[in-house]
């Protein structure tokens, strides 16, 4: 019998999905800059990916990556 390598990921994503009114898009882009800067100050922060709306859609998806679940919970509670 062989031993399986059961590795647990050392990172975790916090996913944020939200819809923005068309008249608030410009302000929302500024807010995104602030959120990205704020999240980068949390321990274990490893980056942010933003999926912006396409065409007439208004849904933004953000994936904030942290070094582990405990660090993600810390950041998630403050974002």
Protein backbone atom coordinates (compact mmCIF):
# COMPACT_ATOMS: atom_id res chain seq x y z
CA UNK A 1 0.00 0.00 0.00
CA UNK A 2 1.34 3.45 -0.85
CA UNK A 3 1.03 6.52 1.28
CA UNK A 4 -0.89 9.34 -0.37
CA UNK A 5 0.31 12.88 -0.08
CA UNK A 6 -2.68 14.76 1.35
CA UNK A 7 -1.47 18.32 1.19
CA UNK A 8 -3.65 21.08 2.49
CA UNK A 9 -3.45 24.33 0.49
CA UNK A 10 -1.42 27.01 2.21
CA UNK A 11 -3.60 29.74 0.72
CA UNK A 12 -7.28 30.62 0.59
CA UNK A 13 -9.45 33.02 -1.42
CA UNK A 14 -12.12 35.33 -0.09
CA UNK A 15 -14.63 35.84 -2.92
CA UNK A 16 -16.66 39.05 -3.13
CA UNK A 17 -19.43 39.39 -5.71
CA UNK A 18 -21.51 42.52 -6.06
CA UNK A 19 -23.55 44.50 -8.54
CA UNK A 20 -23.01 48.21 -9.13
CA UNK A 21 -25.55 50.67 -10.45
CA UNK A 22 -24.55 52.17 -13.81
CA UNK A 23 -24.51 55.68 -12.32
CA UNK A 24 -22.09 54.55 -9.59
CA UNK A 25 -19.45 52.83 -11.77
CA UNK A 26 -16.87 55.65 -11.66
CA UNK A 27 -17.06 55.92 -7.87
CA UNK A 28 -16.90 52.17 -7.57
CA UNK A 29 -13.61 52.05 -9.47
CA UNK A 30 -12.14 54.47 -6.90
CA UNK A 31 -13.52 52.34 -4.07
CA UNK A 32 -11.84 49.26 -5.59
CA UNK A 33 -8.48 51.05 -5.45
CA UNK A 34 -9.06 51.73 -1.73
CA UNK A 35 -10.11 48.12 -1.02
CA UNK A 36 -7.06 46.74 -2.81
CA UNK A 37 -4.76 49.03 -0.83
CA UNK A 38 -6.49 48.17 2.46
CA UNK A 39 -6.42 44.42 1.87
CA UNK A 40 -2.72 44.52 1.04
CA UNK A 41 -1.97 45.64 4.61
CA UNK A 42 -3.36 42.45 6.18
CA UNK A 43 -0.90 39.74 7.23
CA UNK A 44 -0.74 36.96 4.70
CA UNK A 45 -2.21 38.99 1.83
CA UNK A 46 -1.07 37.56 -1.50
CA UNK A 47 -2.99 39.59 -4.05
CA UNK A 48 -6.36 40.52 -5.54
CA UNK A 49 -7.95 39.51 -8.84
CA UNK A 50 -10.82 41.60 -10.18
CA UNK A 51 -13.22 40.47 -12.87
CA UNK A 52 -14.86 43.58 -14.24
CA UNK A 53 -18.26 43.70 -15.96
CA UNK A 54 -18.47 42.93 -19.65
CA UNK A 55 -20.85 44.79 -21.95
CA UNK A 56 -23.98 45.99 -20.21
CA UNK A 57 -23.51 43.78 -17.13
CA UNK A 58 -22.74 45.41 -13.81
CA UNK A 59 -21.41 42.55 -11.66
CA UNK A 60 -17.92 42.75 -10.20
CA UNK A 61 -16.14 39.68 -8.81
CA UNK A 62 -13.14 40.03 -6.54
CA UNK A 63 -10.89 37.24 -5.31
CA UNK A 64 -8.61 38.24 -2.42
CA UNK A 65 -5.89 35.68 -1.73
CA UNK A 66 -4.45 35.09 1.75
CA UNK A 67 -1.72 32.78 3.03
CA UNK A 68 -4.13 30.74 5.17
CA UNK A 69 -7.65 30.44 6.51
CA UNK A 70 -6.99 32.26 9.78
CA UNK A 71 -5.49 35.21 7.95
CA UNK A 72 -8.35 35.24 5.44
CA UNK A 73 -10.90 35.41 8.26
CA UNK A 74 -9.05 38.36 9.74
CA UNK A 75 -9.12 40.20 6.42
CA UNK A 76 -12.68 39.16 5.58
CA UNK A 77 -14.01 40.61 8.83
CA UNK A 78 -12.42 43.97 8.10
CA UNK A 79 -13.00 44.41 4.37
